[in-house]
Amino acid sequence: MALCQINNSKTVVGNYQNALDILKQKLYNGDYYTSTDSSVCVAYNRTIHRYQVFPRKDISVSINEYPRNKENFNTIRILDIPTSSDNFDKYIESQIELNKLNNNLSKVPSDYNNEEQESELRKKLIDSMIYLQSSSVNKKERAYFEYDNGNSKIAKRCISTLKEVKALSLGYLENMLSEQDIPIEIAKELAVIILKEHFSVD
């Protein structure tokens, strides 16, 4: 069992895969809260166009439901792994115990490294939790966070610019978005969304 050593600072990264890797490390290392409504979160910040990873004490209220706090209002939570002791630690402990029973680990040789085996199993269980939840968050969905129903400054600027451009190009729009320092996988999907919006304009 990893000791809880919680680092409250947000880790900021440029792409979703890196965010998932950091999320795994936090869970491997016990860098999370274990209260009833706690979690480790991956969020997308529309102000800086970056992903953030951080532990949270309370998941009952969405990050973007605090309109007085501009940073939180522009931060969209896209993945949460619950870390309460019941939902997380006890689940992993029960799976490790089940694995022991299934493999008759109570009668292991004296040179068997039980701690190492348990650590590896714990990592595999964490990996599977993240895989199952993150697979439901696709690139198109993350792009819609940035698009914000056409209300974001970037969406408005792009639509306005495209109205003045005679030859529309997906590549042109992707380049335009990349100049705004948006992660590339978001820029590609966002370009498609904005082009569809442009074609729907009279």
N, C-alpha and C. Protein backbone atom coordinates (compact mmCIF):
# COMPACT_ATOMS: atom_id res chain seq x y z
N MET A 1 0.84 -1.19 0.00
CA MET A 1 0.00 0.00 0.00
C MET A 1 0.88 1.25 0.00
N ALA A 2 0.61 2.13 -0.94
CA ALA A 2 1.40 3.36 -1.03
C ALA A 2 0.97 4.34 0.05
N LEU A 3 1.91 5.05 0.62
CA LEU A 3 1.60 6.06 1.61
C LEU A 3 1.06 7.30 0.92
N CYS A 4 0.09 7.96 1.55
CA CYS A 4 -0.47 9.18 0.98
C CYS A 4 0.49 10.34 1.21
N GLN A 5 1.01 10.88 0.13
CA GLN A 5 1.89 12.05 0.18
C GLN A 5 1.34 13.04 -0.83
N ILE A 6 0.40 13.85 -0.40
CA ILE A 6 -0.39 14.64 -1.33
C ILE A 6 0.31 15.94 -1.71
N ASN A 7 0.42 16.14 -3.02
CA ASN A 7 0.96 17.38 -3.57
C ASN A 7 -0.20 18.15 -4.18
N ASN A 8 -0.57 19.26 -3.56
CA ASN A 8 -1.76 20.01 -3.99
C ASN A 8 -1.57 20.77 -5.29
N SER A 9 -0.34 20.93 -5.75
CA SER A 9 -0.11 21.71 -6.96
C SER A 9 -0.65 21.00 -8.20
N LYS A 10 -1.10 21.79 -9.16
CA LYS A 10 -1.61 21.24 -10.42
C LYS A 10 -0.44 21.02 -11.37
N THR A 11 -0.40 19.85 -11.96
CA THR A 11 0.61 19.57 -12.97
C THR A 11 0.01 19.92 -14.32
N VAL A 12 0.68 20.78 -15.07
CA VAL A 12 0.16 21.26 -16.35
C VAL A 12 0.93 20.60 -17.49
N VAL A 13 0.21 20.02 -18.46
CA VAL A 13 0.85 19.35 -19.60
C VAL A 13 0.12 19.73 -20.89
N GLY A 14 0.78 19.47 -22.01
CA GLY A 14 0.26 19.91 -23.30
C GLY A 14 -0.62 18.92 -24.03
N ASN A 15 -0.64 17.66 -23.60
CA ASN A 15 -1.52 16.71 -24.29
C ASN A 15 -2.14 15.71 -23.33
N TYR A 16 -3.20 15.10 -23.78
CA TYR A 16 -4.03 14.24 -22.93
C TYR A 16 -3.29 12.99 -22.48
N GLN A 17 -2.48 12.40 -23.36
CA GLN A 17 -1.76 11.18 -23.00
C GLN A 17 -0.78 11.44 -21.85
N ASN A 18 -0.08 12.57 -21.90
CA ASN A 18 0.82 12.94 -20.80
C ASN A 18 0.05 13.13 -19.51
N ALA A 19 -1.14 13.70 -19.62
CA ALA A 19 -1.98 13.89 -18.43
C ALA A 19 -2.35 12.55 -17.82
N LEU A 20 -2.67 11.57 -18.66
CA LEU A 20 -3.01 10.24 -18.16
C LEU A 20 -1.80 9.59 -17.49
N ASP A 21 -0.61 9.77 -18.07
CA ASP A 21 0.61 9.20 -17.47
C ASP A 21 0.87 9.78 -16.08
N ILE A 22 0.66 11.08 -15.94
CA ILE A 22 0.86 11.72 -14.64
C ILE A 22 -0.20 11.27 -13.65
N LEU A 23 -1.44 11.11 -14.15
CA LEU A 23 -2.52 10.59 -13.30
C LEU A 23 -2.15 9.23 -12.74
N LYS A 24 -1.61 8.36 -13.59
CA LYS A 24 -1.19 7.03 -13.14
C LYS A 24 -0.14 7.13 -12.05
N GLN A 25 0.86 8.00 -12.26
CA GLN A 25 1.94 8.14 -11.29
C GLN A 25 1.42 8.61 -9.93
N LYS A 26 0.47 9.53 -9.96
CA LYS A 26 -0.10 10.02 -8.70
C LYS A 26 -0.79 8.87 -7.96
N LEU A 27 -1.49 8.03 -8.70
CA LEU A 27 -2.19 6.91 -8.06
C LEU A 27 -1.20 5.83 -7.62
N TYR A 28 -0.17 5.58 -8.42
CA TYR A 28 0.87 4.63 -8.02
C TYR A 28 1.52 5.06 -6.71
N ASN A 29 1.81 6.37 -6.61
CA ASN A 29 2.59 6.89 -5.49
C ASN A 29 1.77 7.24 -4.26
N GLY A 30 0.45 7.10 -4.35
CA GLY A 30 -0.40 7.46 -3.22
C GLY A 30 -0.57 8.95 -3.07
N ASP A 31 -0.43 9.71 -4.16
CA ASP A 31 -0.56 11.16 -4.12
C ASP A 31 -2.02 11.53 -4.35
N TYR A 32 -2.88 11.20 -3.37
CA TYR A 32 -4.30 11.47 -3.49
C TYR A 32 -4.95 11.51 -2.10
N TYR A 33 -6.14 12.12 -2.06
CA TYR A 33 -6.92 12.15 -0.83
C TYR A 33 -7.76 10.88 -0.73
N THR A 34 -8.14 10.51 0.48
CA THR A 34 -8.95 9.30 0.67
C THR A 34 -10.28 9.59 1.35
N SER A 35 -10.70 10.87 1.34
CA SER A 35 -11.98 11.24 1.93
C SER A 35 -13.13 10.75 1.05
N THR A 36 -14.34 10.88 1.54
CA THR A 36 -15.52 10.29 0.88
C THR A 36 -15.68 10.73 -0.57
N ASP A 37 -15.53 12.02 -0.85
CA ASP A 37 -15.76 12.55 -2.20
C ASP A 37 -14.48 12.97 -2.91
N SER A 38 -13.40 12.27 -2.62
CA SER A 38 -12.10 12.66 -3.20
C SER A 38 -11.87 11.99 -4.55
N SER A 39 -10.91 12.55 -5.30
CA SER A 39 -10.56 11.97 -6.60
C SER A 39 -9.22 12.54 -7.05
N VAL A 40 -8.67 11.92 -8.09
CA VAL A 40 -7.58 12.55 -8.84
C VAL A 40 -8.17 12.91 -10.19
N CYS A 41 -7.95 14.14 -10.60
CA CYS A 41 -8.68 14.71 -11.72
C CYS A 41 -7.78 15.09 -12.88
N VAL A 42 -8.28 14.88 -14.10
CA VAL A 42 -7.69 15.46 -15.30
C VAL A 42 -8.69 16.50 -15.81
N ALA A 43 -8.22 17.74 -15.98
CA ALA A 43 -9.09 18.80 -16.44
C ALA A 43 -8.45 19.52 -17.61
N TYR A 44 -9.28 20.20 -18.38
CA TYR A 44 -8.78 21.01 -19.50
C TYR A 44 -9.05 22.47 -19.20
N ASN A 45 -8.00 23.29 -19.23
CA ASN A 45 -8.12 24.71 -18.93
C ASN A 45 -8.18 25.49 -20.24
N ARG A 46 -9.32 26.12 -20.50
CA ARG A 46 -9.52 26.82 -21.76
C ARG A 46 -8.78 28.15 -21.81
N THR A 47 -8.32 28.64 -20.68
CA THR A 47 -7.59 29.90 -20.65
C THR A 47 -6.17 29.71 -21.17
N ILE A 48 -5.53 28.62 -20.73
CA ILE A 48 -4.14 28.37 -21.13
C ILE A 48 -4.02 27.25 -22.17
N HIS A 49 -5.16 26.63 -22.53
CA HIS A 49 -5.18 25.55 -23.52
C HIS A 49 -4.24 24.41 -23.12
N ARG A 50 -4.36 24.00 -21.90
CA ARG A 50 -3.52 22.92 -21.38
C ARG A 50 -4.34 22.00 -20.48
N TYR A 51 -3.83 20.79 -20.30
CA TYR A 51 -4.43 19.84 -19.38
C TYR A 51 -3.81 20.00 -18.00
N GLN A 52 -4.61 19.79 -16.97
CA GLN A 52 -4.13 19.87 -15.60
C GLN A 52 -4.47 18.57 -14.87
N VAL A 53 -3.56 18.12 -14.02
CA VAL A 53 -3.77 16.91 -13.23
C VAL A 53 -3.57 17.28 -11.77
N PHE A 54 -4.53 16.92 -10.92
CA PHE A 54 -4.41 17.27 -9.50
C PHE A 54 -5.39 16.44 -8.66
N PRO A 55 -5.02 16.22 -7.38
CA PRO A 55 -5.95 15.53 -6.47
C PRO A 55 -7.00 16.51 -5.97
N ARG A 56 -8.22 16.00 -5.73
CA ARG A 56 -9.31 16.84 -5.22
C ARG A 56 -9.92 16.19 -3.99
N LYS A 57 -10.30 17.03 -3.03
CA LYS A 57 -10.96 16.51 -1.82
C LYS A 57 -12.44 16.26 -2.05
N ASP A 58 -13.05 17.04 -2.96
CA ASP A 58 -14.49 17.00 -3.13
C ASP A 58 -14.86 17.02 -4.60
N ILE A 59 -15.52 15.95 -5.08
CA ILE A 59 -15.93 15.89 -6.48
C ILE A 59 -17.43 16.15 -6.65
N SER A 60 -18.10 16.53 -5.57
CA SER A 60 -19.56 16.68 -5.63
C SER A 60 -19.98 17.91 -6.42
N VAL A 61 -19.08 18.91 -6.56
CA VAL A 61 -19.39 20.11 -7.33
C VAL A 61 -18.39 20.23 -8.47
N SER A 62 -18.88 20.45 -9.67
CA SER A 62 -18.00 20.58 -10.83
C SER A 62 -17.09 21.78 -10.70
N ILE A 63 -15.87 21.65 -11.23
CA ILE A 63 -14.90 22.74 -11.17
C ILE A 63 -15.46 24.00 -11.81
N ASN A 64 -16.17 23.85 -12.94
CA ASN A 64 -16.61 25.02 -13.68
C ASN A 64 -17.96 25.57 -13.19
N GLU A 65 -18.30 25.26 -11.96
CA GLU A 65 -19.52 25.83 -11.38
C GLU A 65 -19.21 26.91 -10.35
N TYR A 66 -18.02 27.50 -10.45
CA TYR A 66 -17.63 28.59 -9.57
C TYR A 66 -17.39 29.85 -10.43
N PRO A 67 -18.45 30.53 -10.87
CA PRO A 67 -18.31 31.64 -11.82
C PRO A 67 -17.48 32.81 -11.30
N ARG A 68 -17.36 32.95 -9.98
CA ARG A 68 -16.57 34.06 -9.45
C ARG A 68 -15.07 33.80 -9.54
N ASN A 69 -14.72 32.56 -9.75
CA ASN A 69 -13.31 32.20 -9.87
C ASN A 69 -13.04 31.92 -11.34
N LYS A 70 -12.39 32.86 -12.02
CA LYS A 70 -12.19 32.75 -13.47
C LYS A 70 -11.43 31.49 -13.85
N GLU A 71 -10.41 31.15 -13.06
CA GLU A 71 -9.62 29.96 -13.37
C GLU A 71 -10.48 28.71 -13.33
N ASN A 72 -11.27 28.56 -12.26
CA ASN A 72 -12.12 27.39 -12.14
C ASN A 72 -13.22 27.38 -13.19
N PHE A 73 -13.77 28.54 -13.50
CA PHE A 73 -14.85 28.62 -14.47
C PHE A 73 -14.40 28.17 -15.85
N ASN A 74 -13.14 28.42 -16.17
CA ASN A 74 -12.60 28.02 -17.47
C ASN A 74 -11.90 26.67 -17.45
N THR A 75 -12.05 25.95 -16.36
CA THR A 75 -11.44 24.63 -16.24
C THR A 75 -12.52 23.56 -16.28
N ILE A 76 -12.44 22.70 -17.28
CA ILE A 76 -13.45 21.66 -17.48
C ILE A 76 -12.90 20.31 -17.02
N ARG A 77 -13.54 19.73 -16.06
CA ARG A 77 -13.12 18.42 -15.59
C ARG A 77 -13.54 17.37 -16.61
N ILE A 78 -12.61 16.59 -17.11
CA ILE A 78 -12.95 15.60 -18.12
C ILE A 78 -12.71 14.16 -17.67
N LEU A 79 -12.01 13.97 -16.56
CA LEU A 79 -11.81 12.61 -16.06
C LEU A 79 -11.55 12.66 -14.56
N ASP A 80 -12.27 11.81 -13.82
CA ASP A 80 -12.10 11.72 -12.38
C ASP A 80 -11.96 10.26 -11.98
N ILE A 81 -10.92 9.95 -11.22
CA ILE A 81 -10.79 8.61 -10.64
C ILE A 81 -11.08 8.75 -9.15
N PRO A 82 -12.22 8.22 -8.67
CA PRO A 82 -12.55 8.34 -7.25
C PRO A 82 -11.48 7.67 -6.39
N THR A 83 -11.08 8.33 -5.30
CA THR A 83 -10.00 7.81 -4.47
C THR A 83 -10.38 7.67 -3.00
N SER A 84 -11.67 7.66 -2.71
CA SER A 84 -12.04 7.42 -1.32
C SER A 84 -11.51 6.06 -0.91
N SER A 85 -11.25 5.89 0.38
CA SER A 85 -10.67 4.62 0.84
C SER A 85 -11.54 3.44 0.47
N ASP A 86 -12.87 3.63 0.45
CA ASP A 86 -13.78 2.53 0.08
C ASP A 86 -13.72 2.22 -1.41
N ASN A 87 -13.76 3.29 -2.22
CA ASN A 87 -13.81 3.09 -3.68
C ASN A 87 -12.48 2.70 -4.29
N PHE A 88 -11.39 3.10 -3.65
CA PHE A 88 -10.09 2.91 -4.28
C PHE A 88 -9.20 1.93 -3.50
N ASP A 89 -8.74 2.34 -2.33
CA ASP A 89 -7.81 1.50 -1.57
C ASP A 89 -8.39 0.14 -1.22
N LYS A 90 -9.64 0.13 -0.73
CA LYS A 90 -10.23 -1.15 -0.32
C LYS A 90 -10.50 -2.04 -1.52
N TYR A 91 -10.83 -1.43 -2.64
CA TYR A 91 -11.04 -2.21 -3.86
C TYR A 91 -9.75 -2.89 -4.28
N ILE A 92 -8.66 -2.13 -4.29
CA ILE A 92 -7.37 -2.69 -4.69
C ILE A 92 -6.92 -3.77 -3.71
N GLU A 93 -7.10 -3.51 -2.41
CA GLU A 93 -6.73 -4.51 -1.39
C GLU A 93 -7.51 -5.80 -1.59
N SER A 94 -8.81 -5.68 -1.88
CA SER A 94 -9.63 -6.87 -2.07
C SER A 94 -9.20 -7.67 -3.30
N GLN A 95 -8.81 -6.95 -4.37
CA GLN A 95 -8.36 -7.63 -5.58
C GLN A 95 -7.02 -8.33 -5.36
N ILE A 96 -6.15 -7.72 -4.57
CA ILE A 96 -4.86 -8.33 -4.25
C ILE A 96 -5.08 -9.59 -3.42
N GLU A 97 -6.00 -9.52 -2.45
CA GLU A 97 -6.30 -10.69 -1.62
C GLU A 97 -6.91 -11.81 -2.46
N LEU A 98 -7.79 -11.43 -3.39
CA LEU A 98 -8.40 -12.41 -4.28
C LEU A 98 -7.34 -13.08 -5.14
N ASN A 99 -6.40 -12.28 -5.61
CA ASN A 99 -5.31 -12.83 -6.42
C ASN A 99 -4.47 -13.82 -5.61
N LYS A 100 -4.25 -13.51 -4.34
CA LYS A 100 -3.49 -14.41 -3.47
C LYS A 100 -4.21 -15.76 -3.35
N LEU A 101 -5.51 -15.68 -3.16
CA LEU A 101 -6.28 -16.92 -3.02
C LEU A 101 -6.26 -17.74 -4.31
N ASN A 102 -6.45 -17.04 -5.42
CA ASN A 102 -6.49 -17.74 -6.71
C ASN A 102 -5.16 -18.41 -7.07
N ASN A 103 -4.09 -17.83 -6.58
CA ASN A 103 -2.76 -18.37 -6.92
C ASN A 103 -2.10 -19.09 -5.75
N ASN A 104 -2.90 -19.37 -4.72
CA ASN A 104 -2.37 -20.08 -3.55
C ASN A 104 -1.11 -19.40 -2.99
N LEU A 105 -1.17 -18.06 -2.89
CA LEU A 105 0.02 -17.33 -2.45
C LEU A 105 0.31 -17.51 -0.96
N SER A 106 -0.61 -18.16 -0.26
CA SER A 106 -0.35 -18.40 1.16
C SER A 106 0.71 -19.48 1.35
N LYS A 107 1.06 -20.19 0.28
CA LYS A 107 2.05 -21.26 0.37
C LYS A 107 3.20 -21.01 -0.59
N VAL A 108 3.63 -19.78 -0.64
CA VAL A 108 4.69 -19.42 -1.59
C VAL A 108 6.05 -19.78 -1.02
N PRO A 109 7.05 -19.96 -1.89
CA PRO A 109 8.42 -20.24 -1.43
C PRO A 109 8.97 -19.07 -0.62
N SER A 110 9.97 -19.33 0.18
CA SER A 110 10.55 -18.31 1.06
C SER A 110 11.22 -17.19 0.28
N ASP A 111 11.65 -17.45 -0.96
CA ASP A 111 12.32 -16.40 -1.74
C ASP A 111 11.34 -15.60 -2.61
N TYR A 112 10.05 -15.85 -2.44
CA TYR A 112 9.03 -15.13 -3.22
C TYR A 112 8.91 -13.70 -2.70
N ASN A 113 8.99 -12.74 -3.61
CA ASN A 113 8.91 -11.32 -3.24
C ASN A 113 7.46 -10.87 -3.30
N ASN A 114 6.77 -11.05 -2.19
CA ASN A 114 5.35 -10.75 -2.13
C ASN A 114 5.07 -9.26 -2.36
N GLU A 115 5.89 -8.40 -1.80
CA GLU A 115 5.71 -6.95 -1.92
C GLU A 115 5.83 -6.50 -3.37
N GLU A 116 6.80 -7.05 -4.07
CA GLU A 116 7.01 -6.68 -5.48
C GLU A 116 5.83 -7.13 -6.34
N GLN A 117 5.34 -8.35 -6.10
CA GLN A 117 4.21 -8.87 -6.85
C GLN A 117 2.96 -8.03 -6.60
N GLU A 118 2.74 -7.65 -5.35
CA GLU A 118 1.57 -6.84 -5.01
C GLU A 118 1.66 -5.46 -5.65
N SER A 119 2.86 -4.89 -5.69
CA SER A 119 3.06 -3.58 -6.31
C SER A 119 2.73 -3.63 -7.80
N GLU A 120 3.16 -4.69 -8.47
CA GLU A 120 2.88 -4.84 -9.90
C GLU A 120 1.39 -5.03 -10.15
N LEU A 121 0.74 -5.81 -9.31
CA LEU A 121 -0.69 -6.03 -9.46
C LEU A 121 -1.45 -4.74 -9.22
N ARG A 122 -1.02 -3.96 -8.23
CA ARG A 122 -1.65 -2.68 -7.94
C ARG A 122 -1.58 -1.75 -9.15
N LYS A 123 -0.41 -1.70 -9.80
CA LYS A 123 -0.25 -0.86 -10.99
C LYS A 123 -1.18 -1.32 -12.12
N LYS A 124 -1.29 -2.63 -12.29
CA LYS A 124 -2.16 -3.15 -13.35
C LYS A 124 -3.62 -2.80 -13.08
N LEU A 125 -4.04 -2.87 -11.82
CA LEU A 125 -5.41 -2.52 -11.46
C LEU A 125 -5.67 -1.03 -11.72
N ILE A 126 -4.72 -0.19 -11.36
CA ILE A 126 -4.84 1.26 -11.60
C ILE A 126 -4.90 1.54 -13.09
N ASP A 127 -4.03 0.88 -13.86
CA ASP A 127 -4.02 1.06 -15.32
C ASP A 127 -5.38 0.71 -15.92
N SER A 128 -5.97 -0.38 -15.43
CA SER A 128 -7.26 -0.82 -15.98
C SER A 128 -8.37 0.17 -15.63
N MET A 129 -8.33 0.74 -14.42
CA MET A 129 -9.33 1.74 -14.03
C MET A 129 -9.26 2.96 -14.93
N ILE A 130 -8.04 3.43 -15.17
CA ILE A 130 -7.85 4.62 -16.00
C ILE A 130 -8.24 4.33 -17.45
N TYR A 131 -7.87 3.15 -17.94
CA TYR A 131 -8.20 2.80 -19.32
C TYR A 131 -9.72 2.78 -19.53
N LEU A 132 -10.45 2.16 -18.59
CA LEU A 132 -11.90 2.04 -18.74
C LEU A 132 -12.57 3.41 -18.72
N GLN A 133 -12.11 4.31 -17.86
CA GLN A 133 -12.73 5.63 -17.78
C GLN A 133 -12.28 6.56 -18.89
N SER A 134 -10.99 6.53 -19.22
CA SER A 134 -10.47 7.48 -20.22
C SER A 134 -10.91 7.11 -21.63
N SER A 135 -11.23 5.83 -21.86
CA SER A 135 -11.64 5.43 -23.20
C SER A 135 -12.95 6.08 -23.61
N SER A 136 -13.72 6.56 -22.62
CA SER A 136 -14.99 7.21 -22.93
C SER A 136 -14.82 8.70 -23.23
N VAL A 137 -13.61 9.22 -23.03
CA VAL A 137 -13.35 10.64 -23.30
C VAL A 137 -12.55 10.74 -24.60
N ASN A 138 -13.21 11.09 -25.68
CA ASN A 138 -12.53 11.10 -26.97
C ASN A 138 -12.09 12.51 -27.38
N LYS A 139 -11.31 12.58 -28.43
CA LYS A 139 -10.75 13.86 -28.88
C LYS A 139 -11.84 14.85 -29.28
N LYS A 140 -12.87 14.33 -29.91
CA LYS A 140 -13.94 15.22 -30.37
C LYS A 140 -14.63 15.87 -29.17
N GLU A 141 -14.86 15.08 -28.12
CA GLU A 141 -15.50 15.61 -26.93
C GLU A 141 -14.64 16.69 -26.29
N ARG A 142 -13.33 16.49 -26.25
CA ARG A 142 -12.44 17.48 -25.66
C ARG A 142 -12.41 18.76 -26.51
N ALA A 143 -12.55 18.60 -27.82
CA ALA A 143 -12.59 19.78 -28.69
C ALA A 143 -13.84 20.61 -28.43
N TYR A 144 -14.94 19.95 -28.12
CA TYR A 144 -16.17 20.69 -27.83
C TYR A 144 -16.03 21.53 -26.58
N PHE A 145 -15.19 21.08 -25.63
CA PHE A 145 -14.93 21.90 -24.44
C PHE A 145 -14.30 23.23 -24.86
N GLU A 146 -13.35 23.14 -25.80
CA GLU A 146 -12.67 24.35 -26.26
C GLU A 146 -13.60 25.20 -27.13
N TYR A 147 -14.44 24.56 -27.92
CA TYR A 147 -15.35 25.28 -28.82
C TYR A 147 -16.41 26.05 -28.03
N ASP A 148 -16.92 25.42 -26.96
CA ASP A 148 -17.88 26.05 -26.06
C ASP A 148 -19.10 26.59 -26.82
N ASN A 149 -19.68 25.73 -27.67
CA ASN A 149 -20.87 26.09 -28.43
C ASN A 149 -20.71 27.35 -29.27
N GLY A 150 -19.48 27.59 -29.73
CA GLY A 150 -19.21 28.76 -30.56
C GLY A 150 -19.00 30.03 -29.78
N ASN A 151 -19.01 29.94 -28.45
CA ASN A 151 -18.90 31.12 -27.61
C ASN A 151 -17.48 31.47 -27.19
N SER A 152 -16.55 30.55 -27.39
CA SER A 152 -15.17 30.84 -26.99
C SER A 152 -14.58 31.90 -27.91
N LYS A 153 -13.61 32.64 -27.39
CA LYS A 153 -12.97 33.71 -28.17
C LYS A 153 -12.31 33.13 -29.42
N ILE A 154 -11.71 31.96 -29.29
CA ILE A 154 -11.04 31.34 -30.44
C ILE A 154 -12.05 30.95 -31.51
N ALA A 155 -13.17 30.36 -31.09
CA ALA A 155 -14.19 29.97 -32.06
C ALA A 155 -14.73 31.20 -32.80
N LYS A 156 -15.02 32.25 -32.06
CA LYS A 156 -15.54 33.47 -32.69
C LYS A 156 -14.53 34.07 -33.66
N ARG A 157 -13.26 34.08 -33.25
CA ARG A 157 -12.22 34.66 -34.12
C ARG A 157 -12.08 33.84 -35.40
N CYS A 158 -12.08 32.53 -35.25
CA CYS A 158 -11.91 31.66 -36.42
C CYS A 158 -13.08 31.78 -37.37
N ILE A 159 -14.29 31.79 -36.85
CA ILE A 159 -15.47 31.89 -37.71
C ILE A 159 -15.48 33.23 -38.44
N SER A 160 -15.12 34.29 -37.72
CA SER A 160 -15.06 35.62 -38.33
C SER A 160 -14.01 35.67 -39.44
N THR A 161 -12.85 35.05 -39.19
CA THR A 161 -11.78 35.03 -40.18
C THR A 161 -12.17 34.22 -41.40
N LEU A 162 -12.81 33.07 -41.16
CA LEU A 162 -13.19 32.20 -42.26
C LEU A 162 -14.22 32.84 -43.19
N LYS A 163 -15.03 33.73 -42.67
CA LYS A 163 -16.01 34.42 -43.51
C LYS A 163 -15.34 35.32 -44.55
N GLU A 164 -14.10 35.71 -44.25
CA GLU A 164 -13.36 36.60 -45.16
C GLU A 164 -12.43 35.82 -46.08
N VAL A 165 -12.32 34.50 -45.86
CA VAL A 165 -11.41 33.68 -46.66
C VAL A 165 -12.19 33.00 -47.77
N LYS A 166 -11.70 33.13 -49.01
CA LYS A 166 -12.42 32.53 -50.14
C LYS A 166 -12.17 31.04 -50.24
N ALA A 167 -10.93 30.61 -50.07
CA ALA A 167 -10.58 29.19 -50.19
C ALA A 167 -10.45 28.58 -48.79
N LEU A 168 -11.47 27.82 -48.41
CA LEU A 168 -11.45 27.20 -47.09
C LEU A 168 -10.53 25.99 -47.10
N SER A 169 -9.81 25.83 -46.03
CA SER A 169 -8.88 24.71 -45.92
C SER A 169 -8.81 24.23 -44.47
N LEU A 170 -8.95 22.91 -44.31
CA LEU A 170 -8.83 22.34 -42.97
C LEU A 170 -7.43 22.58 -42.42
N GLY A 171 -6.43 22.44 -43.30
CA GLY A 171 -5.05 22.66 -42.88
C GLY A 171 -4.82 24.10 -42.44
N TYR A 172 -5.42 25.05 -43.17
CA TYR A 172 -5.28 26.46 -42.81
C TYR A 172 -5.81 26.72 -41.41
N LEU A 173 -6.98 26.15 -41.13
CA LEU A 173 -7.61 26.36 -39.84
C LEU A 173 -6.82 25.67 -38.72
N GLU A 174 -6.29 24.47 -38.99
CA GLU A 174 -5.46 23.78 -38.00
C GLU A 174 -4.24 24.62 -37.65
N ASN A 175 -3.60 25.20 -38.69
CA ASN A 175 -2.42 26.05 -38.46
C ASN A 175 -2.79 27.28 -37.64
N MET A 176 -3.94 27.85 -37.96
CA MET A 176 -4.41 29.03 -37.24
C MET A 176 -4.61 28.71 -35.76
N LEU A 177 -5.19 27.55 -35.50
CA LEU A 177 -5.43 27.15 -34.12
C LEU A 177 -4.13 26.81 -33.40
N SER A 178 -3.20 26.19 -34.12
CA SER A 178 -1.93 25.84 -33.49
C SER A 178 -1.15 27.09 -33.08
N GLU A 179 -1.36 28.18 -33.82
CA GLU A 179 -0.73 29.45 -33.45
C GLU A 179 -1.28 29.99 -32.13
N GLN A 180 -2.47 29.51 -31.76
CA GLN A 180 -3.06 29.90 -30.47
C GLN A 180 -2.57 28.98 -29.34
N ASP A 181 -1.61 28.11 -29.67
CA ASP A 181 -0.99 27.23 -28.68
C ASP A 181 -1.98 26.22 -28.10
N ILE A 182 -2.89 25.75 -28.95
CA ILE A 182 -3.83 24.71 -28.54
C ILE A 182 -3.21 23.35 -28.83
N PRO A 183 -3.34 22.38 -27.93
CA PRO A 183 -2.80 21.03 -28.20
C PRO A 183 -3.27 20.51 -29.54
N ILE A 184 -2.38 19.89 -30.29
CA ILE A 184 -2.64 19.53 -31.68
C ILE A 184 -3.85 18.62 -31.85
N GLU A 185 -4.02 17.66 -30.92
CA GLU A 185 -5.16 16.74 -31.09
C GLU A 185 -6.48 17.46 -30.89
N ILE A 186 -6.48 18.54 -30.09
CA ILE A 186 -7.68 19.35 -29.93
C ILE A 186 -7.87 20.25 -31.15
N ALA A 187 -6.78 20.81 -31.65
CA ALA A 187 -6.85 21.72 -32.80
C ALA A 187 -7.46 21.03 -34.02
N LYS A 188 -7.08 19.78 -34.26
CA LYS A 188 -7.59 19.06 -35.44
C LYS A 188 -9.10 18.87 -35.36
N GLU A 189 -9.58 18.44 -34.20
CA GLU A 189 -11.03 18.23 -34.05
C GLU A 189 -11.77 19.56 -34.02
N LEU A 190 -11.17 20.54 -33.39
CA LEU A 190 -11.79 21.86 -33.32
C LEU A 190 -11.90 22.49 -34.70
N ALA A 191 -10.92 22.24 -35.56
CA ALA A 191 -10.97 22.76 -36.93
C ALA A 191 -12.19 22.22 -37.67
N VAL A 192 -12.47 20.93 -37.49
CA VAL A 192 -13.63 20.32 -38.15
C VAL A 192 -14.93 20.95 -37.64
N ILE A 193 -15.01 21.12 -36.32
CA ILE A 193 -16.22 21.71 -35.73
C ILE A 193 -16.45 23.11 -36.27
N ILE A 194 -15.41 23.92 -36.32
CA ILE A 194 -15.55 25.31 -36.76
C ILE A 194 -15.88 25.38 -38.25
N LEU A 195 -15.32 24.49 -39.06
CA LEU A 195 -15.66 24.48 -40.48
C LEU A 195 -17.13 24.13 -40.69
N LYS A 196 -17.63 23.18 -39.89
CA LYS A 196 -19.05 22.83 -39.99
C LYS A 196 -19.91 24.02 -39.61
N GLU A 197 -19.48 24.76 -38.59
CA GLU A 197 -20.21 25.95 -38.17
C GLU A 197 -20.20 27.00 -39.27
N HIS A 198 -19.05 27.12 -39.95
CA HIS A 198 -18.92 28.11 -41.01
C HIS A 198 -19.87 27.79 -42.17
N PHE A 199 -19.92 26.53 -42.54
CA PHE A 199 -20.78 26.14 -43.66
C PHE A 199 -22.24 26.32 -43.34
N SER A 200 -22.60 26.34 -42.04
CA SER A 200 -24.00 26.50 -41.67
C SER A 200 -24.42 27.97 -41.63
N VAL A 201 -23.42 28.86 -41.75
CA VAL A 201 -23.73 30.30 -41.72
C VAL A 201 -24.25 30.74 -43.08
N ASP A 202 -25.31 31.52 -43.09
CA ASP A 202 -25.89 32.01 -44.36
C ASP A 202 -24.97 33.06 -45.00
